[in-house]
Protein backbone atom coordinates (compact mmCIF):
# COMPACT_ATOMS: atom_id res chain seq x y z
CA MET A 1 19.77 3.81 -45.11
CA PRO A 2 19.01 0.75 -42.98
CA TYR A 3 18.49 1.20 -39.25
CA GLU A 4 17.53 -0.86 -36.22
CA LEU A 5 15.00 0.24 -33.57
CA LYS A 6 16.41 0.02 -30.03
CA GLN A 7 15.13 0.87 -26.56
CA VAL A 8 17.33 3.53 -25.03
CA PHE A 9 18.06 3.75 -21.29
CA ALA A 10 19.99 6.97 -20.67
CA SER A 11 19.49 10.65 -20.02
CA LEU A 12 20.67 12.74 -22.94
CA PRO A 13 23.72 14.98 -22.51
CA GLN A 14 23.75 18.54 -23.79
CA MET A 15 24.41 18.34 -27.52
CA GLU A 16 26.75 20.60 -29.47
CA ARG A 17 26.98 20.72 -33.25
CA GLY A 18 30.08 18.94 -34.49
CA VAL A 19 30.93 17.47 -31.08
CA ALA A 20 30.88 13.70 -30.61
CA LYS A 21 28.66 12.32 -27.81
CA VAL A 22 27.30 8.97 -26.69
CA ILE A 23 23.54 9.33 -26.31
CA GLY A 24 22.29 5.95 -25.06
CA GLY A 25 22.48 2.19 -24.78
CA ASP A 26 20.20 -0.71 -25.58
CA PRO A 27 19.00 -3.05 -22.77
CA LYS A 28 21.11 -6.01 -23.88
CA GLY A 29 24.30 -4.06 -23.35
CA ASN A 30 25.60 -4.81 -26.85
CA ASN A 31 25.26 -1.40 -28.45
CA PHE A 32 25.52 2.33 -27.83
CA LEU A 33 23.92 5.06 -29.80
CA TYR A 34 26.79 7.38 -30.70
CA THR A 35 26.82 10.66 -32.56
CA ASN A 36 29.90 12.11 -34.18
CA GLY A 37 28.20 15.49 -34.47
CA LYS A 38 26.87 14.78 -37.93
CA ALA A 39 25.15 11.39 -37.77
CA VAL A 40 23.90 8.87 -35.22
CA ILE A 41 25.76 5.56 -35.22
CA ILE A 42 25.06 2.23 -33.48
CA ARG A 43 28.35 1.14 -31.98
CA ASN A 44 29.07 -2.33 -30.59
CA ILE A 45 30.49 -2.76 -27.07
CA GLU A 46 31.61 -5.85 -25.20
CA GLU A 47 32.26 -4.58 -21.67
CA HIS A 48 29.05 -6.05 -20.14
CA THR A 49 28.02 -9.70 -20.17
CA GLN A 50 24.37 -9.07 -19.24
CA PHE A 51 21.75 -6.35 -19.60
CA ILE A 52 22.72 -2.75 -18.97
CA ASN A 53 20.21 -1.39 -16.43
CA CYS A 54 21.40 2.19 -16.18
CA VAL A 55 23.54 4.72 -18.08
CA ARG A 56 24.27 8.10 -16.49
CA PHE A 57 26.38 11.05 -17.58
CA SER A 58 28.38 12.98 -15.03
CA PRO A 59 27.01 16.51 -14.47
CA ASP A 60 30.00 18.03 -16.29
CA GLY A 61 29.45 15.70 -19.26
CA ALA A 62 33.06 14.51 -19.24
CA ARG A 63 32.22 10.88 -18.42
CA PHE A 64 29.37 8.45 -18.31
CA VAL A 65 28.91 5.25 -16.34
CA THR A 66 27.15 2.05 -17.33
CA ALA A 67 25.71 -0.33 -14.71
CA GLY A 68 24.58 -3.83 -15.57
CA ALA A 69 22.83 -6.95 -14.34
CA ASP A 70 26.28 -8.56 -14.30
CA GLY A 71 27.26 -6.43 -11.29
CA MET A 72 29.79 -4.42 -13.30
CA MET A 73 30.18 -0.67 -13.77
CA ASN A 74 32.26 0.81 -16.56
CA ILE A 75 33.40 4.40 -17.02
CA PHE A 76 33.56 5.86 -20.52
CA ASP A 77 34.76 9.14 -21.99
CA GLY A 78 31.71 11.32 -22.56
CA ALA A 79 33.00 12.77 -25.81
CA THR A 80 34.70 9.87 -27.57
CA GLY A 81 32.86 6.94 -26.01
CA GLU A 82 36.15 5.20 -25.27
CA ARG A 83 36.28 3.04 -22.15
CA ILE A 84 38.31 4.56 -19.33
CA GLY A 85 38.05 1.73 -16.84
CA SER A 86 35.78 -0.10 -14.41
CA LEU A 87 34.81 0.52 -10.81
CA GLY A 88 35.77 -2.08 -8.26
CA GLU A 89 37.80 -5.16 -8.93
CA GLU A 90 36.19 -7.87 -11.06
CA LYS A 91 32.71 -6.70 -10.12
CA ALA A 92 31.40 -3.56 -8.42
CA HIS A 93 28.57 -5.46 -6.68
CA LYS A 94 27.79 -9.11 -5.96
CA GLY A 95 24.36 -8.65 -7.54
CA GLY A 96 22.85 -6.77 -10.43
CA ILE A 97 23.12 -2.98 -10.35
CA TYR A 98 19.87 -1.14 -10.94
CA ALA A 99 20.75 2.53 -10.56
CA VAL A 100 23.60 5.01 -10.26
CA SER A 101 23.71 8.71 -9.40
CA TRP A 102 26.61 11.17 -9.68
CA SER A 103 27.74 13.71 -7.11
CA PRO A 104 27.22 17.36 -8.12
CA ASP A 105 30.97 17.84 -8.67
CA SER A 106 31.25 14.70 -10.87
CA SER A 107 34.00 13.20 -8.69
CA GLN A 108 31.92 10.52 -6.96
CA LEU A 109 28.82 8.43 -7.53
CA ILE A 110 26.56 6.00 -5.68
CA SER A 111 25.23 2.69 -6.98
CA ALA A 112 22.22 0.63 -5.87
CA SER A 113 22.26 -3.14 -6.20
CA GLY A 114 20.21 -6.28 -5.73
CA ASP A 115 22.89 -7.47 -3.29
CA LYS A 116 21.12 -5.24 -0.72
CA THR A 117 23.87 -2.61 -0.62
CA VAL A 118 24.47 0.92 -1.84
CA LYS A 119 28.09 1.88 -2.54
CA LEU A 120 29.77 5.28 -2.61
CA TRP A 121 32.57 5.40 -5.20
CA ASP A 122 35.58 7.62 -5.77
CA VAL A 123 35.56 7.62 -9.55
CA GLY A 124 39.11 8.89 -9.92
CA ALA A 125 40.53 6.16 -7.69
CA ASN A 126 38.12 3.47 -8.99
CA THR A 127 37.40 2.38 -5.40
CA ALA A 128 34.40 2.12 -3.07
CA VAL A 129 34.70 4.68 -0.26
CA THR A 130 31.67 3.46 1.71
CA THR A 131 29.33 0.46 1.57
CA PHE A 132 25.84 0.95 2.98
CA ASN A 133 24.39 -2.38 4.16
CA MET A 134 20.61 -2.12 3.87
CA GLY A 135 19.53 -5.45 5.39
CA SER A 136 19.24 -9.15 4.71
CA ASP A 137 15.64 -9.58 3.53
CA VAL A 138 14.63 -9.87 -0.10
CA SER A 139 12.71 -6.60 0.27
CA ASP A 140 16.01 -4.86 1.17
CA GLN A 141 17.28 -5.09 -2.41
CA GLN A 142 18.14 -1.60 -3.64
CA LEU A 143 16.42 -0.57 -6.87
CA GLY A 144 17.11 3.16 -7.06
CA CYS A 145 19.36 5.91 -5.76
CA LEU A 146 19.74 9.68 -5.91
CA TRP A 147 22.50 12.14 -4.99
CA GLN A 148 20.62 15.39 -4.31
CA LYS A 149 22.94 18.15 -3.06
CA ASP A 150 24.11 16.90 0.36
CA HIS A 151 21.59 14.06 0.55
CA LEU A 152 22.14 10.46 -0.49
CA LEU A 153 18.93 8.48 -0.98
CA SER A 154 18.05 4.97 -2.03
CA ILE A 155 14.84 3.06 -2.71
CA SER A 156 14.36 -0.49 -1.46
CA LEU A 157 12.31 -3.21 -3.13
CA SER A 158 9.84 -2.71 -0.26
CA GLY A 159 9.23 0.82 -1.56
CA TYR A 160 10.91 2.44 1.43
CA ILE A 161 13.03 5.55 0.84
CA ASN A 162 16.31 5.59 2.79
CA TYR A 163 18.34 8.68 3.72
CA LEU A 164 21.89 7.33 3.89
CA ASP A 165 24.40 8.32 6.54
CA LYS A 166 28.08 8.40 5.46
CA ASN A 167 29.16 8.28 9.11
CA ASN A 168 27.00 5.25 9.94
CA PRO A 169 26.63 3.08 6.81
CA ASP A 170 24.61 0.37 8.58
CA ARG A 171 21.84 2.67 9.80
CA PRO A 172 20.02 5.23 7.61
CA ILE A 173 19.41 8.69 9.03
CA ARG A 174 15.76 8.28 8.19
CA THR A 175 13.55 5.77 6.42
CA VAL A 176 10.32 6.93 4.82
CA LYS A 177 7.89 4.01 4.84
CA GLY A 178 4.65 3.77 2.98
CA HIS A 179 2.48 1.68 0.70
CA SER A 180 3.77 0.80 -2.74
CA LYS A 181 0.60 -1.11 -3.71
CA SER A 182 -3.08 -0.22 -3.70
CA ILE A 183 -4.64 0.24 -0.26
CA GLN A 184 -7.69 -1.96 0.32
CA CYS A 185 -8.81 -1.08 3.85
CA LEU A 186 -8.10 0.93 6.99
CA THR A 187 -9.15 1.49 10.56
CA VAL A 188 -8.43 4.04 13.28
CA HIS A 189 -7.59 3.46 16.93
CA LYS A 190 -6.82 5.79 19.85
CA ASN A 191 -4.16 4.74 22.32
CA GLU A 192 -2.67 6.79 25.18
CA GLY A 193 -3.97 10.05 23.80
CA ARG A 194 -2.75 9.44 20.26
CA THR A 195 -4.71 8.38 17.19
CA TYR A 196 -3.23 5.78 14.88
CA ILE A 197 -4.32 4.97 11.34
CA TYR A 198 -3.81 1.37 10.22
CA SER A 199 -4.01 0.63 6.49
CA GLY A 200 -3.64 -2.62 4.58
CA SER A 201 -2.67 -3.02 0.95
CA HIS A 202 -2.84 -5.41 -1.98
CA ASP A 203 0.57 -6.96 -1.22
CA GLY A 204 -0.35 -7.83 2.39
CA HIS A 205 1.57 -4.93 3.89
CA ILE A 206 0.15 -2.96 6.86
CA ASN A 207 1.26 0.58 7.67
CA ILE A 208 0.84 2.52 10.89
CA LEU A 209 0.43 6.31 10.78
CA CYS A 210 0.39 8.38 13.97
CA CYS A 211 -1.87 11.37 13.36
CA LEU A 212 -0.20 13.70 15.86
CA CYS A 213 3.34 12.91 14.74
CA ASP A 214 3.33 11.90 11.12
CA VAL A 215 0.35 13.30 9.26
CA LYS A 216 2.30 16.28 7.92
CA THR A 217 5.45 14.35 7.06
CA GLY A 218 3.74 11.23 5.73
CA GLU A 219 6.12 8.98 7.67
CA ASN A 220 4.78 5.53 8.47
CA ASP A 221 5.74 2.70 10.77
CA SER A 222 4.98 -0.98 10.29
CA PHE A 223 4.82 -4.28 12.13
CA SER A 224 8.02 -6.32 12.31
CA GLY A 225 8.15 -9.97 11.31
CA LYS A 226 6.26 -11.92 8.67
CA GLY A 227 2.67 -10.85 8.12
CA HIS A 228 0.10 -11.58 5.43
CA SER A 229 1.37 -12.89 2.11
CA ASN A 230 -1.53 -11.55 0.07
CA GLN A 231 -4.10 -8.77 -0.04
CA VAL A 232 -5.44 -7.46 3.28
CA SER A 233 -9.18 -7.21 2.63
CA LYS A 234 -10.58 -5.92 5.95
CA MET A 235 -9.33 -4.86 9.35
CA VAL A 236 -10.74 -3.88 12.74
CA ILE A 237 -9.46 -3.33 16.30
CA ASN A 238 -10.95 -5.65 18.94
CA ASP A 239 -11.47 -4.97 22.64
CA GLY A 240 -8.28 -6.85 23.51
CA GLY A 241 -6.01 -4.40 21.71
CA ASP A 242 -5.46 -6.58 18.66
CA LEU A 243 -5.59 -5.54 15.03
CA VAL A 244 -7.77 -8.22 13.45
CA THR A 245 -7.17 -8.62 9.73
CA CYS A 246 -8.44 -10.97 7.05
CA SER A 247 -6.51 -11.68 3.91
CA MET A 248 -6.60 -13.42 0.56
CA ASP A 249 -3.92 -15.75 1.97
CA ASP A 250 -6.88 -17.54 3.66
CA THR A 251 -6.03 -16.41 7.19
CA LEU A 252 -7.24 -14.20 9.99
CA ARG A 253 -4.42 -12.61 11.93
CA TYR A 254 -4.50 -11.06 15.42
CA THR A 255 -1.64 -8.57 15.94
CA ASN A 256 -1.04 -6.77 19.22
CA ILE A 257 -0.94 -3.06 18.42
CA ASN A 258 1.35 -2.25 21.35
CA LYS A 259 4.05 -4.79 20.48
CA LYS A 260 4.00 -3.85 16.77
CA GLU A 261 5.15 -7.35 15.91
CA TYR A 262 3.45 -10.14 14.00
CA SER A 263 2.89 -13.32 15.99
CA ALA A 264 3.03 -16.72 14.32
CA SER A 265 0.78 -18.17 17.03
CA ASP A 266 -2.06 -15.68 16.56
CA VAL A 267 -2.97 -16.75 13.03
CA VAL A 268 -6.21 -18.59 12.25
CA LYS A 269 -6.22 -20.64 9.06
CA MET A 270 -9.61 -20.51 7.37
CA ASP A 271 -11.11 -23.28 5.24
CA VAL A 272 -11.77 -20.85 2.40
CA GLN A 273 -10.86 -17.28 1.58
CA PRO A 274 -12.24 -14.64 3.99
CA LYS A 275 -13.81 -11.49 2.60
CA SER A 276 -14.72 -9.55 5.73
CA VAL A 277 -14.06 -9.48 9.45
CA SER A 278 -15.82 -7.80 12.37
CA ALA A 279 -15.21 -7.77 16.13
CA ALA A 280 -17.23 -7.15 19.29
CA VAL A 281 -17.00 -7.42 23.07
CA GLY A 282 -16.02 -10.65 24.76
CA GLY A 283 -13.31 -11.58 22.26
CA LEU A 284 -15.84 -12.26 19.50
CA SER A 285 -14.96 -12.05 15.81
CA LEU A 286 -17.06 -12.76 12.75
CA ALA A 287 -15.46 -13.77 9.46
CA VAL A 288 -17.42 -13.91 6.22
CA CYS A 289 -15.75 -16.28 3.81
CA ILE A 290 -16.59 -17.67 0.40
CA GLY A 291 -19.60 -19.88 1.15
CA GLN A 292 -19.14 -19.72 4.94
CA VAL A 293 -19.77 -17.55 7.98
CA VAL A 294 -17.41 -18.28 10.87
CA LEU A 295 -17.77 -17.18 14.49
CA LEU A 296 -14.55 -16.93 16.50
CA LYS A 297 -13.87 -16.33 20.17
CA ASP A 298 -10.51 -15.62 21.79
CA LYS A 299 -8.75 -16.14 18.43
CA LYS A 300 -10.27 -19.59 17.85
CA LYS A 301 -13.04 -20.82 15.55
CA ILE A 302 -16.06 -21.91 17.57
CA PHE A 303 -18.87 -22.17 15.00
CA THR A 304 -19.18 -22.38 11.23
CA LEU A 305 -22.25 -21.88 9.06
CA ASP A 306 -22.11 -23.77 5.75
CA ASN A 307 -24.63 -24.22 2.95
CA LEU A 308 -25.95 -20.70 3.41
CA GLY A 309 -28.17 -20.70 0.37
CA TYR A 310 -26.80 -17.30 -0.66
CA GLU A 311 -23.39 -15.76 -1.34
CA ALA A 312 -22.33 -13.80 1.73
CA GLU A 313 -20.27 -10.67 1.12
CA VAL A 314 -19.85 -8.83 4.42
CA GLY A 315 -20.76 -9.35 8.06
CA VAL A 316 -20.81 -7.28 11.25
CA ILE A 317 -21.45 -7.99 14.92
CA HIS A 318 -23.68 -5.72 16.97
CA PRO A 319 -21.59 -3.78 19.54
CA GLY A 320 -23.44 -5.64 22.29
CA GLY A 321 -22.31 -8.99 20.89
CA THR A 322 -25.84 -10.35 20.60
CA THR A 323 -26.52 -10.27 16.85
CA ALA A 324 -24.55 -10.91 13.67
CA ALA A 325 -25.75 -9.29 10.45
CA VAL A 326 -24.57 -10.76 7.14
CA GLY A 327 -25.15 -9.07 3.80
CA GLY A 328 -25.29 -11.09 0.60
CA GLN A 329 -25.51 -10.91 -3.14
CA ASP A 330 -29.17 -11.91 -2.79
CA GLU A 331 -29.98 -8.28 -1.87
CA LYS A 332 -30.77 -9.21 1.72
CA ILE A 333 -29.28 -8.81 5.19
CA HIS A 334 -29.52 -12.02 7.20
CA LEU A 335 -29.72 -11.68 10.98
CA TYR A 336 -28.30 -14.35 13.31
CA SER A 337 -28.47 -14.37 17.08
CA ILE A 338 -25.27 -15.17 18.96
CA GLN A 339 -26.15 -17.73 21.61
CA GLY A 340 -23.13 -18.95 23.53
CA ASN A 341 -20.78 -20.46 20.97
CA THR A 342 -23.27 -20.71 18.14
CA LEU A 343 -24.98 -18.63 15.50
CA LYS A 344 -28.70 -19.25 15.32
CA ASP A 345 -30.72 -18.30 12.25
CA GLU A 346 -33.91 -16.70 13.51
CA GLY A 347 -35.29 -16.50 10.00
CA GLN A 348 -35.23 -12.69 9.98
CA THR A 349 -33.97 -10.95 6.83
CA LEU A 350 -33.93 -7.32 5.77
CA ASP A 351 -34.54 -6.26 2.19
CA ALA A 352 -32.04 -4.01 0.43
CA SER A 353 -32.11 -2.39 -2.99
CA GLY A 354 -29.21 -4.42 -4.38
CA ALA A 355 -26.33 -6.75 -3.55
CA ILE A 356 -24.68 -5.67 -0.32
CA THR A 357 -21.19 -4.16 -0.64
CA ASP A 358 -20.56 -2.97 2.94
CA MET A 359 -22.36 -2.43 6.23
CA ALA A 360 -21.72 -1.25 9.79
CA TYR A 361 -23.50 -0.75 13.10
CA SER A 362 -23.35 2.67 14.70
CA ASN A 363 -21.01 2.80 17.69
CA ASP A 364 -23.97 2.86 20.12
CA GLY A 365 -25.68 0.00 18.29
CA ALA A 366 -28.80 2.03 17.54
CA TYR A 367 -28.59 1.78 13.73
CA LEU A 368 -27.36 -0.55 11.02
CA ALA A 369 -26.21 1.23 7.84
CA VAL A 370 -25.97 -0.73 4.58
CA ILE A 371 -24.82 0.15 1.07
CA ASP A 372 -25.52 -1.84 -2.09
CA ASP A 373 -24.55 -2.04 -5.73
CA LYS A 374 -27.68 -0.13 -6.77
CA LYS A 375 -26.05 3.03 -5.28
CA VAL A 376 -28.41 3.17 -2.30
CA ALA A 377 -27.50 3.59 1.37
CA THR A 378 -30.08 2.36 3.87
CA ALA A 379 -30.23 2.91 7.64
CA TYR A 380 -32.21 0.50 9.82
CA SER A 381 -33.37 1.26 13.36
CA VAL A 382 -32.36 -1.65 15.63
CA ALA A 383 -34.74 -0.78 18.48
CA ASP A 384 -37.69 -0.69 16.07
CA GLY A 385 -37.12 -4.21 14.83
CA TYR A 386 -34.72 -3.12 12.08
CA SER A 387 -37.33 -0.96 10.38
CA VAL A 388 -36.03 1.42 7.69
CA LYS A 389 -35.05 4.75 9.23
CA ASN A 390 -33.97 6.44 5.99
CA LYS A 391 -32.68 5.80 2.50
CA PHE A 392 -29.91 7.90 0.98
CA TYR A 393 -29.17 8.57 -2.69
CA GLY A 394 -26.30 10.43 -4.35
CA HIS A 395 -23.54 8.14 -5.60
CA HIS A 396 -23.15 7.89 -9.38
CA ALA A 397 -21.46 4.50 -9.14
CA LYS A 398 -21.44 1.59 -6.71
CA PRO A 399 -20.50 2.57 -3.12
CA VAL A 400 -18.03 0.12 -1.58
CA SER A 401 -17.03 1.45 1.86
CA LEU A 402 -18.89 2.77 4.89
CA ALA A 403 -17.97 4.14 8.32
CA TRP A 404 -19.92 5.68 11.22
CA SER A 405 -18.96 8.96 12.85
CA PRO A 406 -18.29 8.81 16.62
CA ASP A 407 -21.33 11.07 17.11
CA ASN A 408 -23.64 8.24 15.86
CA GLU A 409 -25.62 10.85 13.91
CA HIS A 410 -23.62 10.72 10.68
CA PHE A 411 -22.00 8.07 8.52
CA ALA A 412 -19.78 8.32 5.45
CA THR A 413 -19.81 6.26 2.26
CA GLY A 414 -17.18 6.04 -0.47
CA GLY A 415 -17.76 4.77 -3.98
CA MET A 416 -16.43 3.77 -7.36
CA ASP A 417 -17.33 7.30 -8.46
CA MET A 418 -14.37 8.57 -6.38
CA MET A 419 -16.82 10.48 -4.18
CA VAL A 420 -17.45 10.48 -0.45
CA TYR A 421 -20.78 11.44 1.05
CA VAL A 422 -21.38 12.23 4.71
CA TRP A 423 -25.02 11.50 5.55
CA THR A 424 -27.20 12.70 8.45
CA ILE A 425 -29.20 9.81 9.86
CA ALA A 426 -32.24 11.95 10.72
CA ASP A 427 -32.44 13.83 7.42
CA ALA A 428 -31.71 12.13 4.10
CA GLU A 429 -31.55 15.49 2.32
CA GLN A 430 -28.81 16.83 4.56
CA ARG A 431 -25.53 15.62 3.16
CA ILE A 432 -21.94 16.68 2.57
CA LYS A 433 -20.33 15.78 -0.74
CA LEU A 434 -16.57 15.36 -1.21
CA PRO A 435 -16.01 15.02 -4.97
CA ASP A 436 -12.88 13.52 -6.55
CA CYS A 437 -11.43 12.46 -3.21
CA HIS A 438 -8.94 10.26 -5.03
CA ARG A 439 -8.88 11.38 -8.65
CA LEU A 440 -7.59 8.24 -10.33
CA HIS A 441 -9.14 5.49 -8.21
CA HIS A 442 -12.21 4.73 -6.12
CA VAL A 443 -12.39 5.19 -2.35
CA SER A 444 -11.51 1.80 -0.89
CA GLY A 445 -11.65 2.61 2.83
CA LEU A 446 -13.09 5.10 5.35
CA ALA A 447 -12.55 5.75 9.05
CA TRP A 448 -13.25 8.58 11.50
CA ILE A 449 -10.65 10.09 13.82
CA ASP A 450 -13.29 12.24 15.52
CA GLU A 451 -16.68 13.65 14.56
CA HIS A 452 -15.05 16.34 12.38
CA THR A 453 -12.12 14.39 10.91
CA LEU A 454 -12.48 11.71 8.26
CA VAL A 455 -9.73 9.55 6.72
CA THR A 456 -9.94 7.96 3.27
CA THR A 457 -7.80 5.50 1.32
CA SER A 458 -7.71 4.40 -2.27
CA HIS A 459 -5.95 2.21 -4.81
CA ASP A 460 -3.68 5.19 -5.46
CA ALA A 461 -1.78 4.01 -2.33
CA SER A 462 -2.46 7.24 -0.46
CA VAL A 463 -4.15 8.14 2.82
CA LYS A 464 -6.01 11.45 3.00
CA GLN A 465 -7.40 13.32 5.99
CA TRP A 466 -10.48 15.55 5.65
CA THR A 467 -12.02 18.13 7.97
CA ILE A 468 -15.83 17.85 8.03
CA THR A 469 -17.86 20.92 8.95
CA TYR A 470 -21.61 20.50 9.41
């Protein structure tokens, strides 16, 4: 017998031999798969003018609802497949409907739409009881919903999960915020006795996690306003209380961490894409861009190095603000002295084992730690003319992130091997290994809360906190 292969978008009802049931619909909204208890039949329908995005049976199996990109919802008999009616007047929503969810008693349902609303429906009366207005931004479009016992939940395009309040439709009871894209970087800052974790992701979003309040619940806050439009590659807190971030949108952005609001005036447009950013005392910032190294002061560019003769990858400023170290693909660290508003090349370079992937000065400025693509971590003693203090081996794949402990005696590295190592500066053999920190992706960022607490991020869009015992 001839048949046609269709994609089916519906949860299957409980089947009974000899009892007719509709078991699914194709995405164009032209057909239903229908069983009469003996055979499966493709049945034409004409109730929707655009794609059907969702088909859901009521818990009692008596009815099912179809929701489409045309903003319409139709109710059908669960046994015969005959249309009972539609919800709303001409259309249930002004935009496409992406999800529906029934109440446990099968008398009501909620629908989530691209018109930035969620509606609560009385199915028997074919009317909307409540309309939840979720906002006006594009990211406030509603892509999913769930009726779980007494809880009504929706998911916004931003990835936020909203707990809806029937008594206050314009304000959710709770909104769970978090990353929906891969996390690229993070930093930690202490403010008024609390520690905050800042993390930036591939879509330009930055989340704020308060360790004391939110680490167990996973709730995040974020900055209001318009931020980066592309991947946040690096971030650091400067001495002025600004979160300094560089992005693939070719900008550096300075965001006051107390106001929690992006400022359009504190954005520095770079000539080319920045890869790395560092900060030091006196309002200094160092941006390493494609083919350039840029020195900034008080949120303004003051000096640019072009024609480097090597491809710079990452740069850091000594905590004292006197030296800038830039690591390149040429397997060297180039040292520049900061003299007033200029960077002066003193001709001093440090040899590494491979192309530099990340680097950082210890908090007291005594050491410079560097990792490279040959899986080697190297610590240089600043006071001894940047002589090699120790070399550290252990990663099975390229390490890509590095962070110093507040005790200045240990530093952590994270790699493409999904491992984190905590190294002891005085003894290369003394190390702590954290295997499979993020099982599916590499460790993209590291930061220390205190000398015994390490935070890691990854492309799995999660933030993890680790207790380190020496």
